[in-house]
Amino acid sequence: MPIENERKFVLGQDGELEGQLAKMPGVARNFLRQAYLDSSGVRIRSIEADGKTDHVFTYKRMVEGQVVEIETGLSVIDFKRLWTQRKETLQKVRYSWNEGHFHWDVDFFKRDDGSTYFAMAEVEMPEEDTEPPPLPARLSAHLLGTAPAGDQRFTSKRLADQAHATALLADISRKGRIE
């Protein structure tokens, strides 16, 4: 089973991190448009990188305390058909790289005008790992807090709601931590 084992880190938005990541060697940049359908755990996504667009269908489900994630490619036509059935949508710019046996993504959630309303890093860990690795040095100065494992407030689906994301970020900034 493809088990998702990740931890999330909320990042401050100083307007500089995205530009820094874009210039770093070995860091890939993707633009994602993502929609959640009316069935629980189902999303579709378009991923634009290097002049090419891929479309992906994803199913996620909690099974025995672990998240099973299954992804498969979609044709453009099927993506467009399913897009008409969307509920929540979001767009984000993602920067990705591998560091040791960990995979890092930094997502900048975007408004329609291209401005960022929320920034978050996540690390994909081997299934057997229970503790996240230290935050990479390139991110540590931007850390606002580590999201508790499995905290639904930090799912992309919840962060697609800009009002929720803005209120969550304000709460974290005001308290100086994630509660």
Foldseek 3Di string as FASTA:
>chain_A
DAWWDKWKFWFACPPCLVVVLVPDPQKFKWKKKKFDAPDPQWIKIWIDGPNDIWIKIWGWDQDPNTIDIDMDTDDPVVSVVVVVRGDFIWMWMWIWHDDVQKIKIKIFTADPVGHGLTIMMMITDPPPDDDDDDDPPSGVVGTQEIDDPPPPLPDVRNVSPSVSSNVQVVVSVVVSYHD
